[in-house]
Amino acid sequence: MGLFSWIFGQAPENRGSMTGMRAKEDVQALPDAFPTVEDLEERFRRSGMFREDLIERFALGAAQFLRNGLSYNQVVEALVRSGEPLPLEQVRALGFPSKYVVGRDFHDGLVVKDLAAARGRLEDLVELTAARAAQLHALRRYEEANVRHVRLVSLGAAKETPLERRFNNRKISIAEAVDLVLSKGEQIRRSTFSAVIVPGEQSV
């Protein structure tokens, strides 16, 4: 069954059911920890890669897979493989390794000709959107616990962007951190935020 058949074959009340690494109640308790369908739709539409009439379906699939516990690259692999597999000769002609599986749903849903490049771009879009949601969720939880300042924690010098290097381990306010995510999220997507604990200030 292809991605689109799977999504739209479910009754509306069952499309949000969780069957993966995260339990249903855990996901419901953290509703903003994952990208919304609307967030993904906006990213996909701005990319110019997809047929306009299929953007919502790709966004629905990506959102569901993320909530089911898949990593962003697993999500992309699932989207790329959706539908009846293309013949190996066609897969090679599209620039993929001969053993790579490309589904017809993915092929037919794109308006760009370079599908190999589109796969990389899709991975970038899903990663960025998922990271943004997770970072904003963490900052909201800190704010609810009366944490007033955080520090950005990057992956280390080898993988840091210039912005991450500039802000790594710097104490900033929650408001400044939120603004950083919203305005410069692409440059800090692999970073996290840690709370600056002041005794007596935090409620948790």
N, C-alpha and C. Protein backbone atom coordinates (compact mmCIF):
# COMPACT_ATOMS: atom_id res chain seq x y z
N MET A 1 0.84 -1.20 0.00
CA MET A 1 0.00 0.00 0.00
C MET A 1 0.87 1.25 0.00
N GLY A 2 0.52 2.21 -0.85
CA GLY A 2 1.29 3.43 -0.91
C GLY A 2 0.99 4.35 0.25
N LEU A 3 1.83 5.36 0.38
CA LEU A 3 1.68 6.32 1.47
C LEU A 3 0.30 6.97 1.45
N PHE A 4 -0.13 7.42 0.28
CA PHE A 4 -1.37 8.16 0.20
C PHE A 4 -2.57 7.25 0.48
N SER A 5 -2.52 6.02 -0.01
CA SER A 5 -3.60 5.07 0.27
C SER A 5 -3.67 4.78 1.75
N TRP A 6 -2.50 4.67 2.38
CA TRP A 6 -2.46 4.38 3.82
C TRP A 6 -3.08 5.51 4.62
N ILE A 7 -2.71 6.74 4.29
CA ILE A 7 -3.20 7.89 5.06
C ILE A 7 -4.70 8.08 4.84
N PHE A 8 -5.12 8.11 3.59
CA PHE A 8 -6.50 8.47 3.31
C PHE A 8 -7.43 7.28 3.37
N GLY A 9 -6.88 6.09 3.59
CA GLY A 9 -7.71 4.92 3.80
C GLY A 9 -8.17 4.82 5.23
N GLN A 10 -7.58 5.61 6.13
CA GLN A 10 -7.98 5.60 7.52
C GLN A 10 -9.15 6.54 7.74
N ALA A 11 -10.00 6.18 8.69
CA ALA A 11 -11.06 7.10 9.08
C ALA A 11 -10.42 8.32 9.72
N PRO A 12 -11.03 9.50 9.58
CA PRO A 12 -10.43 10.71 10.14
C PRO A 12 -10.08 10.59 11.60
N GLU A 13 -10.94 9.89 12.38
CA GLU A 13 -10.66 9.80 13.81
C GLU A 13 -9.48 8.90 14.10
N ASN A 14 -9.04 8.10 13.12
CA ASN A 14 -7.93 7.17 13.36
C ASN A 14 -6.62 7.65 12.74
N ARG A 15 -6.65 8.74 12.00
CA ARG A 15 -5.43 9.17 11.33
C ARG A 15 -4.36 9.64 12.29
N GLY A 16 -4.74 10.00 13.49
CA GLY A 16 -3.77 10.45 14.47
C GLY A 16 -3.33 9.36 15.41
N SER A 17 -3.78 8.12 15.20
CA SER A 17 -3.41 7.06 16.14
C SER A 17 -1.93 6.77 16.07
N MET A 18 -1.30 6.44 17.19
CA MET A 18 0.14 6.26 17.27
C MET A 18 0.49 4.79 17.36
N THR A 19 1.37 4.34 16.49
CA THR A 19 1.82 2.94 16.52
C THR A 19 3.29 2.91 16.24
N GLY A 20 4.10 3.27 17.18
CA GLY A 20 5.52 3.29 16.93
C GLY A 20 6.29 3.29 18.22
N MET A 21 7.44 3.95 18.19
CA MET A 21 8.33 3.93 19.33
C MET A 21 7.75 4.72 20.50
N ARG A 22 6.89 5.71 20.21
CA ARG A 22 6.32 6.51 21.30
C ARG A 22 4.89 6.06 21.57
N ALA A 23 4.53 5.92 22.82
CA ALA A 23 3.17 5.55 23.17
C ALA A 23 2.23 6.70 22.87
N LYS A 24 0.95 6.35 22.61
CA LYS A 24 -0.03 7.36 22.24
C LYS A 24 -0.16 8.44 23.31
N GLU A 25 -0.21 8.03 24.57
CA GLU A 25 -0.39 9.03 25.63
C GLU A 25 0.81 9.95 25.74
N ASP A 26 2.02 9.46 25.42
CA ASP A 26 3.20 10.31 25.48
C ASP A 26 3.12 11.41 24.43
N VAL A 27 2.69 11.06 23.23
CA VAL A 27 2.58 12.04 22.15
C VAL A 27 1.51 13.07 22.47
N GLN A 28 0.38 12.60 23.01
CA GLN A 28 -0.68 13.54 23.35
C GLN A 28 -0.26 14.50 24.45
N ALA A 29 0.63 14.05 25.33
CA ALA A 29 1.10 14.91 26.41
C ALA A 29 2.09 15.95 25.92
N LEU A 30 2.68 15.73 24.75
CA LEU A 30 3.66 16.65 24.20
C LEU A 30 3.22 17.08 22.79
N PRO A 31 2.09 17.73 22.66
CA PRO A 31 1.53 18.00 21.33
C PRO A 31 2.38 18.91 20.46
N ASP A 32 3.16 19.79 21.07
CA ASP A 32 3.95 20.72 20.27
C ASP A 32 5.39 20.27 20.10
N ALA A 33 5.71 19.04 20.49
CA ALA A 33 7.08 18.55 20.35
C ALA A 33 7.37 18.10 18.92
N PHE A 34 6.34 18.05 18.09
CA PHE A 34 6.48 17.59 16.71
C PHE A 34 5.95 18.66 15.77
N PRO A 35 6.44 18.69 14.54
CA PRO A 35 5.92 19.67 13.58
C PRO A 35 4.44 19.41 13.27
N THR A 36 3.69 20.46 13.06
CA THR A 36 2.31 20.31 12.63
C THR A 36 2.27 20.05 11.13
N VAL A 37 1.14 19.53 10.68
CA VAL A 37 0.97 19.33 9.24
C VAL A 37 1.11 20.67 8.52
N GLU A 38 0.58 21.73 9.13
CA GLU A 38 0.64 23.06 8.51
C GLU A 38 2.08 23.55 8.37
N ASP A 39 2.92 23.30 9.39
CA ASP A 39 4.33 23.69 9.31
C ASP A 39 5.02 22.99 8.15
N LEU A 40 4.77 21.70 8.03
CA LEU A 40 5.40 20.92 6.96
C LEU A 40 4.86 21.35 5.60
N GLU A 41 3.56 21.58 5.53
CA GLU A 41 2.98 22.06 4.27
C GLU A 41 3.66 23.34 3.81
N GLU A 42 3.84 24.26 4.73
CA GLU A 42 4.46 25.55 4.38
C GLU A 42 5.88 25.34 3.85
N ARG A 43 6.66 24.49 4.52
CA ARG A 43 8.02 24.21 4.08
C ARG A 43 8.01 23.58 2.70
N PHE A 44 7.15 22.59 2.50
CA PHE A 44 7.11 21.88 1.23
C PHE A 44 6.64 22.80 0.10
N ARG A 45 5.68 23.66 0.39
CA ARG A 45 5.17 24.57 -0.64
C ARG A 45 6.25 25.57 -1.04
N ARG A 46 6.96 26.10 -0.07
CA ARG A 46 8.01 27.09 -0.37
C ARG A 46 9.18 26.48 -1.13
N SER A 47 9.36 25.15 -1.00
CA SER A 47 10.47 24.49 -1.70
C SER A 47 10.25 24.45 -3.20
N GLY A 48 8.99 24.47 -3.64
CA GLY A 48 8.68 24.41 -5.06
C GLY A 48 8.93 23.05 -5.69
N MET A 49 9.08 22.01 -4.87
CA MET A 49 9.41 20.69 -5.39
C MET A 49 8.19 19.84 -5.73
N PHE A 50 7.06 20.11 -5.06
CA PHE A 50 5.93 19.20 -5.11
C PHE A 50 4.78 19.73 -5.95
N ARG A 51 4.03 18.81 -6.49
CA ARG A 51 2.77 19.19 -7.12
C ARG A 51 1.88 19.79 -6.06
N GLU A 52 1.27 20.92 -6.39
CA GLU A 52 0.47 21.65 -5.42
C GLU A 52 -0.65 20.80 -4.83
N ASP A 53 -1.26 19.96 -5.65
CA ASP A 53 -2.40 19.17 -5.18
C ASP A 53 -1.99 18.01 -4.28
N LEU A 54 -0.67 17.75 -4.15
CA LEU A 54 -0.21 16.63 -3.33
C LEU A 54 0.60 17.07 -2.11
N ILE A 55 0.79 18.37 -1.95
CA ILE A 55 1.60 18.86 -0.82
C ILE A 55 1.01 18.42 0.51
N GLU A 56 -0.31 18.54 0.66
CA GLU A 56 -0.94 18.17 1.92
C GLU A 56 -0.69 16.69 2.23
N ARG A 57 -0.72 15.85 1.23
CA ARG A 57 -0.53 14.42 1.45
C ARG A 57 0.88 14.10 1.91
N PHE A 58 1.87 14.73 1.30
CA PHE A 58 3.25 14.54 1.76
C PHE A 58 3.42 15.05 3.18
N ALA A 59 2.81 16.20 3.48
CA ALA A 59 2.91 16.77 4.82
C ALA A 59 2.24 15.87 5.86
N LEU A 60 1.07 15.34 5.53
CA LEU A 60 0.38 14.42 6.43
C LEU A 60 1.23 13.19 6.71
N GLY A 61 1.84 12.64 5.67
CA GLY A 61 2.69 11.47 5.85
C GLY A 61 3.89 11.76 6.72
N ALA A 62 4.57 12.88 6.45
CA ALA A 62 5.76 13.23 7.23
C ALA A 62 5.40 13.47 8.70
N ALA A 63 4.30 14.19 8.94
CA ALA A 63 3.89 14.48 10.31
C ALA A 63 3.56 13.19 11.07
N GLN A 64 2.85 12.27 10.41
CA GLN A 64 2.48 11.02 11.06
C GLN A 64 3.71 10.18 11.39
N PHE A 65 4.64 10.09 10.43
CA PHE A 65 5.84 9.29 10.66
C PHE A 65 6.68 9.86 11.81
N LEU A 66 6.80 11.18 11.88
CA LEU A 66 7.55 11.79 12.97
C LEU A 66 6.91 11.48 14.31
N ARG A 67 5.59 11.55 14.37
CA ARG A 67 4.90 11.25 15.62
C ARG A 67 4.98 9.77 15.98
N ASN A 68 5.20 8.94 14.99
CA ASN A 68 5.35 7.50 15.24
C ASN A 68 6.76 7.15 15.72
N GLY A 69 7.64 8.15 15.80
CA GLY A 69 8.96 7.91 16.35
C GLY A 69 10.08 7.78 15.35
N LEU A 70 9.81 7.98 14.06
CA LEU A 70 10.86 7.88 13.06
C LEU A 70 11.75 9.12 13.10
N SER A 71 13.03 8.92 12.83
CA SER A 71 13.94 10.06 12.68
C SER A 71 13.66 10.73 11.35
N TYR A 72 14.20 11.94 11.18
CA TYR A 72 13.89 12.67 9.95
C TYR A 72 14.36 11.95 8.70
N ASN A 73 15.52 11.27 8.77
CA ASN A 73 15.99 10.57 7.57
C ASN A 73 15.18 9.30 7.31
N GLN A 74 14.65 8.68 8.37
CA GLN A 74 13.75 7.54 8.18
C GLN A 74 12.43 8.00 7.57
N VAL A 75 11.97 9.17 7.97
CA VAL A 75 10.76 9.74 7.39
C VAL A 75 10.93 9.93 5.89
N VAL A 76 12.05 10.52 5.51
CA VAL A 76 12.30 10.78 4.10
C VAL A 76 12.39 9.47 3.32
N GLU A 77 13.06 8.49 3.88
CA GLU A 77 13.16 7.20 3.21
C GLU A 77 11.78 6.60 2.98
N ALA A 78 10.90 6.72 3.98
CA ALA A 78 9.54 6.20 3.85
C ALA A 78 8.78 6.95 2.76
N LEU A 79 8.95 8.26 2.69
CA LEU A 79 8.28 9.05 1.65
C LEU A 79 8.80 8.70 0.26
N VAL A 80 10.10 8.55 0.14
CA VAL A 80 10.71 8.23 -1.15
C VAL A 80 10.26 6.86 -1.64
N ARG A 81 10.07 5.91 -0.73
CA ARG A 81 9.70 4.55 -1.11
C ARG A 81 8.21 4.36 -1.29
N SER A 82 7.43 5.40 -1.06
CA SER A 82 5.98 5.26 -1.08
C SER A 82 5.47 4.93 -2.47
N GLY A 83 4.56 3.96 -2.50
CA GLY A 83 3.94 3.58 -3.77
C GLY A 83 4.62 2.38 -4.40
N GLU A 84 4.15 2.02 -5.57
CA GLU A 84 4.72 0.89 -6.30
C GLU A 84 6.17 1.20 -6.69
N PRO A 85 7.11 0.30 -6.41
CA PRO A 85 8.52 0.56 -6.74
C PRO A 85 8.73 0.75 -8.24
N LEU A 86 9.53 1.74 -8.59
CA LEU A 86 9.88 1.96 -10.00
C LEU A 86 10.84 0.88 -10.47
N PRO A 87 10.84 0.57 -11.76
CA PRO A 87 11.80 -0.40 -12.29
C PRO A 87 13.24 0.05 -12.04
N LEU A 88 14.14 -0.91 -11.86
CA LEU A 88 15.53 -0.60 -11.54
C LEU A 88 16.17 0.30 -12.59
N GLU A 89 15.85 0.06 -13.86
CA GLU A 89 16.43 0.88 -14.92
C GLU A 89 16.03 2.34 -14.78
N GLN A 90 14.78 2.57 -14.39
CA GLN A 90 14.31 3.94 -14.20
C GLN A 90 14.95 4.56 -12.97
N VAL A 91 15.14 3.76 -11.92
CA VAL A 91 15.80 4.25 -10.71
C VAL A 91 17.21 4.73 -11.03
N ARG A 92 17.94 3.92 -11.80
CA ARG A 92 19.31 4.32 -12.19
C ARG A 92 19.29 5.58 -13.04
N ALA A 93 18.32 5.67 -13.94
CA ALA A 93 18.23 6.83 -14.82
C ALA A 93 17.93 8.11 -14.04
N LEU A 94 17.32 7.96 -12.88
CA LEU A 94 16.99 9.12 -12.05
C LEU A 94 18.16 9.57 -11.18
N GLY A 95 19.26 8.81 -11.21
CA GLY A 95 20.45 9.20 -10.47
C GLY A 95 20.64 8.50 -9.14
N PHE A 96 19.79 7.50 -8.86
CA PHE A 96 19.93 6.74 -7.62
C PHE A 96 20.73 5.47 -7.88
N PRO A 97 21.35 4.90 -6.84
CA PRO A 97 21.98 3.58 -6.98
C PRO A 97 20.94 2.56 -7.41
N SER A 98 21.38 1.53 -8.15
CA SER A 98 20.44 0.58 -8.73
C SER A 98 19.63 -0.18 -7.68
N LYS A 99 20.16 -0.33 -6.47
CA LYS A 99 19.45 -1.07 -5.43
C LYS A 99 18.53 -0.17 -4.61
N TYR A 100 18.53 1.11 -4.91
CA TYR A 100 17.70 2.04 -4.15
C TYR A 100 16.24 1.89 -4.57
N VAL A 101 15.33 1.97 -3.59
CA VAL A 101 13.91 1.84 -3.88
C VAL A 101 13.27 3.22 -3.97
N VAL A 102 12.67 3.51 -5.10
CA VAL A 102 11.93 4.76 -5.30
C VAL A 102 10.50 4.40 -5.67
N GLY A 103 9.55 4.91 -4.91
CA GLY A 103 8.15 4.61 -5.16
C GLY A 103 7.52 5.57 -6.14
N ARG A 104 6.46 5.10 -6.78
CA ARG A 104 5.79 5.93 -7.78
C ARG A 104 5.09 7.13 -7.17
N ASP A 105 4.62 7.01 -5.94
CA ASP A 105 3.98 8.16 -5.28
C ASP A 105 4.95 9.33 -5.19
N PHE A 106 6.19 9.04 -4.80
CA PHE A 106 7.20 10.09 -4.68
C PHE A 106 7.54 10.65 -6.06
N HIS A 107 7.77 9.77 -7.01
CA HIS A 107 8.13 10.19 -8.37
C HIS A 107 7.06 11.08 -8.97
N ASP A 108 5.80 10.66 -8.85
CA ASP A 108 4.71 11.40 -9.48
C ASP A 108 4.33 12.66 -8.71
N GLY A 109 4.76 12.76 -7.46
CA GLY A 109 4.39 13.91 -6.66
C GLY A 109 5.31 15.11 -6.80
N LEU A 110 6.42 14.94 -7.52
CA LEU A 110 7.40 16.01 -7.67
C LEU A 110 7.26 16.72 -9.01
N VAL A 111 7.62 17.99 -9.02
CA VAL A 111 7.63 18.75 -10.27
C VAL A 111 9.05 19.01 -10.74
N VAL A 112 10.03 18.69 -9.92
CA VAL A 112 11.43 18.86 -10.30
C VAL A 112 11.92 17.59 -10.99
N LYS A 113 12.91 17.72 -11.85
CA LYS A 113 13.41 16.58 -12.61
C LYS A 113 14.50 15.80 -11.88
N ASP A 114 15.26 16.50 -11.05
CA ASP A 114 16.37 15.85 -10.35
C ASP A 114 15.86 15.25 -9.04
N LEU A 115 15.43 14.00 -9.10
CA LEU A 115 14.84 13.37 -7.92
C LEU A 115 15.88 13.09 -6.85
N ALA A 116 17.12 12.81 -7.26
CA ALA A 116 18.18 12.55 -6.28
C ALA A 116 18.43 13.80 -5.44
N ALA A 117 18.48 14.95 -6.09
CA ALA A 117 18.66 16.21 -5.37
C ALA A 117 17.43 16.53 -4.53
N ALA A 118 16.26 16.18 -5.04
CA ALA A 118 15.02 16.44 -4.31
C ALA A 118 14.98 15.65 -3.02
N ARG A 119 15.52 14.43 -3.05
CA ARG A 119 15.55 13.63 -1.84
C ARG A 119 16.39 14.31 -0.76
N GLY A 120 17.56 14.83 -1.15
CA GLY A 120 18.40 15.54 -0.19
C GLY A 120 17.74 16.80 0.33
N ARG A 121 17.06 17.51 -0.54
CA ARG A 121 16.37 18.72 -0.12
C ARG A 121 15.22 18.39 0.82
N LEU A 122 14.51 17.30 0.54
CA LEU A 122 13.41 16.89 1.40
C LEU A 122 13.93 16.52 2.79
N GLU A 123 15.05 15.84 2.85
CA GLU A 123 15.65 15.50 4.14
C GLU A 123 15.99 16.76 4.92
N ASP A 124 16.51 17.75 4.22
CA ASP A 124 16.85 19.02 4.85
C ASP A 124 15.61 19.71 5.42
N LEU A 125 14.52 19.69 4.65
CA LEU A 125 13.29 20.35 5.08
C LEU A 125 12.68 19.67 6.30
N VAL A 126 12.64 18.34 6.28
CA VAL A 126 12.05 17.61 7.40
C VAL A 126 12.90 17.78 8.66
N GLU A 127 14.22 17.71 8.50
CA GLU A 127 15.10 17.88 9.66
C GLU A 127 14.91 19.25 10.28
N LEU A 128 14.90 20.29 9.47
CA LEU A 128 14.78 21.65 9.98
C LEU A 128 13.44 21.87 10.68
N THR A 129 12.37 21.38 10.08
CA THR A 129 11.04 21.57 10.66
C THR A 129 10.90 20.81 11.97
N ALA A 130 11.44 19.59 12.02
CA ALA A 130 11.38 18.79 13.25
C ALA A 130 12.23 19.40 14.35
N ALA A 131 13.41 19.90 14.00
CA ALA A 131 14.29 20.51 14.99
C ALA A 131 13.66 21.78 15.57
N ARG A 132 13.05 22.56 14.72
CA ARG A 132 12.41 23.81 15.18
C ARG A 132 11.31 23.50 16.19
N ALA A 133 10.48 22.52 15.89
CA ALA A 133 9.39 22.16 16.81
C ALA A 133 9.94 21.66 18.14
N ALA A 134 10.97 20.82 18.09
CA ALA A 134 11.54 20.26 19.32
C ALA A 134 12.19 21.35 20.17
N GLN A 135 12.90 22.28 19.53
CA GLN A 135 13.54 23.35 20.28
C GLN A 135 12.53 24.28 20.93
N LEU A 136 11.49 24.65 20.19
CA LEU A 136 10.46 25.53 20.76
C LEU A 136 9.71 24.83 21.89
N HIS A 137 9.49 23.54 21.73
CA HIS A 137 8.84 22.77 22.79
C HIS A 137 9.68 22.79 24.07
N ALA A 138 10.98 22.54 23.93
CA ALA A 138 11.87 22.53 25.09
C ALA A 138 11.89 23.89 25.77
N LEU A 139 11.92 24.94 24.99
CA LEU A 139 11.94 26.29 25.57
C LEU A 139 10.64 26.61 26.28
N ARG A 140 9.52 26.15 25.73
CA ARG A 140 8.24 26.36 26.39
C ARG A 140 8.20 25.63 27.74
N ARG A 141 8.71 24.41 27.75
CA ARG A 141 8.72 23.65 29.00
C ARG A 141 9.61 24.32 30.05
N TYR A 142 10.73 24.85 29.61
CA TYR A 142 11.60 25.58 30.54
C TYR A 142 10.88 26.80 31.11
N GLU A 143 10.20 27.52 30.24
CA GLU A 143 9.51 28.73 30.69
C GLU A 143 8.41 28.39 31.69
N GLU A 144 7.71 27.28 31.44
CA GLU A 144 6.67 26.85 32.37
C GLU A 144 7.25 26.49 33.74
N ALA A 145 8.51 26.04 33.74
CA ALA A 145 9.18 25.69 35.00
C ALA A 145 9.88 26.89 35.62
N ASN A 146 9.61 28.08 35.09
CA ASN A 146 10.17 29.32 35.60
C ASN A 146 11.67 29.44 35.37
N VAL A 147 12.17 28.72 34.37
CA VAL A 147 13.56 28.91 33.95
C VAL A 147 13.61 30.18 33.11
N ARG A 148 14.50 31.07 33.45
CA ARG A 148 14.54 32.36 32.76
C ARG A 148 15.66 32.46 31.72
N HIS A 149 16.68 31.63 31.88
CA HIS A 149 17.80 31.68 30.94
C HIS A 149 18.22 30.26 30.55
N VAL A 150 18.78 30.16 29.35
CA VAL A 150 19.27 28.87 28.85
C VAL A 150 20.63 29.08 28.19
N ARG A 151 21.27 27.96 27.91
CA ARG A 151 22.51 27.98 27.13
C ARG A 151 22.32 27.11 25.91
N LEU A 152 22.79 27.58 24.77
CA LEU A 152 22.77 26.77 23.56
C LEU A 152 23.92 25.78 23.62
N VAL A 153 23.63 24.53 23.32
CA VAL A 153 24.64 23.47 23.34
C VAL A 153 24.76 22.90 21.94
N SER A 154 25.91 23.09 21.31
CA SER A 154 26.13 22.60 19.95
C SER A 154 26.82 21.25 19.99
N LEU A 155 26.98 20.66 18.79
CA LEU A 155 27.57 19.32 18.68
C LEU A 155 29.09 19.32 18.82
N GLY A 156 29.70 20.49 18.75
CA GLY A 156 31.15 20.53 18.82
C GLY A 156 31.75 21.25 17.63
N ALA A 157 33.00 21.59 17.76
CA ALA A 157 33.67 22.46 16.78
C ALA A 157 33.62 21.92 15.36
N ALA A 158 33.75 20.60 15.20
CA ALA A 158 33.83 20.02 13.85
C ALA A 158 32.56 20.23 13.05
N LYS A 159 31.40 20.27 13.74
CA LYS A 159 30.13 20.37 13.03
C LYS A 159 29.39 21.67 13.31
N GLU A 160 30.00 22.56 14.02
CA GLU A 160 29.35 23.82 14.37
C GLU A 160 29.22 24.74 13.17
N THR A 161 28.11 25.45 13.10
CA THR A 161 27.99 26.56 12.18
C THR A 161 28.59 27.78 12.86
N PRO A 162 28.92 28.83 12.10
CA PRO A 162 29.46 30.04 12.74
C PRO A 162 28.53 30.59 13.82
N LEU A 163 27.22 30.51 13.60
CA LEU A 163 26.29 31.02 14.61
C LEU A 163 26.32 30.16 15.86
N GLU A 164 26.42 28.85 15.71
CA GLU A 164 26.51 27.97 16.87
C GLU A 164 27.80 28.23 17.64
N ARG A 165 28.86 28.47 16.93
CA ARG A 165 30.14 28.76 17.58
C ARG A 165 30.04 30.07 18.38
N ARG A 166 29.31 31.00 17.83
CA ARG A 166 29.15 32.30 18.49
C ARG A 166 28.31 32.18 19.76
N PHE A 167 27.26 31.36 19.72
CA PHE A 167 26.34 31.29 20.85
C PHE A 167 26.57 30.09 21.76
N ASN A 168 27.45 29.18 21.38
CA ASN A 168 27.63 27.97 22.17
C ASN A 168 27.98 28.30 23.62
N ASN A 169 27.18 27.75 24.51
CA ASN A 169 27.37 27.89 25.96
C ASN A 169 27.17 29.32 26.47
N ARG A 170 26.63 30.19 25.63
CA ARG A 170 26.36 31.55 26.07
C ARG A 170 25.01 31.60 26.79
N LYS A 171 24.94 32.30 27.87
CA LYS A 171 23.69 32.46 28.61
C LYS A 171 22.81 33.49 27.92
N ILE A 172 21.60 33.05 27.55
CA ILE A 172 20.66 33.96 26.91
C ILE A 172 19.29 33.75 27.54
N SER A 173 18.43 34.74 27.39
CA SER A 173 17.08 34.63 27.94
C SER A 173 16.24 33.68 27.10
N ILE A 174 15.13 33.22 27.67
CA ILE A 174 14.21 32.37 26.93
C ILE A 174 13.71 33.09 25.68
N ALA A 175 13.38 34.36 25.83
CA ALA A 175 12.88 35.14 24.69
C ALA A 175 13.93 35.24 23.59
N GLU A 176 15.18 35.44 23.97
CA GLU A 176 16.25 35.50 22.98
C GLU A 176 16.42 34.15 22.28
N ALA A 177 16.29 33.07 23.04
CA ALA A 177 16.42 31.73 22.46
C ALA A 177 15.30 31.45 21.46
N VAL A 178 14.08 31.83 21.82
CA VAL A 178 12.95 31.64 20.91
C VAL A 178 13.16 32.42 19.63
N ASP A 179 13.61 33.66 19.76
CA ASP A 179 13.86 34.48 18.58
C ASP A 179 14.96 33.86 17.72
N LEU A 180 15.96 33.27 18.35
CA LEU A 180 17.05 32.62 17.62
C LEU A 180 16.51 31.44 16.80
N VAL A 181 15.65 30.65 17.41
CA VAL A 181 15.07 29.51 16.70
C VAL A 181 14.21 29.97 15.53
N LEU A 182 13.39 30.99 15.75
CA LEU A 182 12.47 31.45 14.72
C LEU A 182 13.17 32.18 13.57
N SER A 183 14.23 32.89 13.89
CA SER A 183 14.89 33.70 12.86
C SER A 183 16.12 33.05 12.25
N LYS A 184 16.79 32.17 13.01
CA LYS A 184 18.04 31.56 12.54
C LYS A 184 18.04 30.04 12.70
N GLY A 185 16.85 29.46 12.70
CA GLY A 185 16.73 28.04 13.00
C GLY A 185 17.56 27.13 12.11
N GLU A 186 17.72 27.50 10.86
CA GLU A 186 18.48 26.65 9.94
C GLU A 186 19.94 26.52 10.37
N GLN A 187 20.43 27.54 11.07
CA GLN A 187 21.84 27.53 11.47
C GLN A 187 22.09 26.89 12.83
N ILE A 188 21.01 26.54 13.55
CA ILE A 188 21.20 25.93 14.87
C ILE A 188 20.38 24.64 14.99
N ARG A 189 20.03 24.04 13.89
CA ARG A 189 19.11 22.91 13.90
C ARG A 189 19.63 21.71 14.69
N ARG A 190 20.94 21.56 14.79
CA ARG A 190 21.51 20.40 15.48
C ARG A 190 21.87 20.71 16.94
N SER A 191 21.53 21.89 17.39
CA SER A 191 21.83 22.29 18.76
C SER A 191 20.62 22.06 19.67
N THR A 192 20.89 22.02 20.95
CA THR A 192 19.83 21.94 21.96
C THR A 192 20.03 23.09 22.94
N PHE A 193 19.07 23.23 23.86
CA PHE A 193 19.18 24.26 24.88
C PHE A 193 19.18 23.59 26.26
N SER A 194 20.05 24.05 27.13
CA SER A 194 20.08 23.55 28.51
C SER A 194 19.69 24.69 29.44
N ALA A 195 19.02 24.33 30.52
CA ALA A 195 18.52 25.34 31.46
C ALA A 195 19.66 25.87 32.32
N VAL A 196 19.60 27.17 32.60
CA VAL A 196 20.49 27.78 33.59
C VAL A 196 19.71 27.79 34.91
N ILE A 197 20.12 26.94 35.83
CA ILE A 197 19.38 26.75 37.08
C ILE A 197 19.84 27.75 38.14
N VAL A 198 18.89 28.49 38.66
CA VAL A 198 19.14 29.39 39.78
C VAL A 198 18.35 28.88 40.98
N PRO A 199 19.01 28.49 42.05
CA PRO A 199 18.31 27.94 43.22
C PRO A 199 17.19 28.84 43.70
N GLY A 200 16.00 28.23 43.88
CA GLY A 200 14.87 28.98 44.38
C GLY A 200 14.01 29.60 43.31
N GLU A 201 14.51 29.65 42.06
CA GLU A 201 13.76 30.27 40.97
C GLU A 201 12.84 29.28 40.29
N GLN A 202 13.32 28.05 40.10
CA GLN A 202 12.60 27.07 39.30
C GLN A 202 11.47 26.44 40.10
N SER A 203 10.38 26.18 39.38
CA SER A 203 9.22 25.54 40.00
C SER A 203 9.29 24.03 39.87
N VAL A 204 10.20 23.55 39.04
CA VAL A 204 10.36 22.10 38.86
C VAL A 204 11.82 21.77 39.03
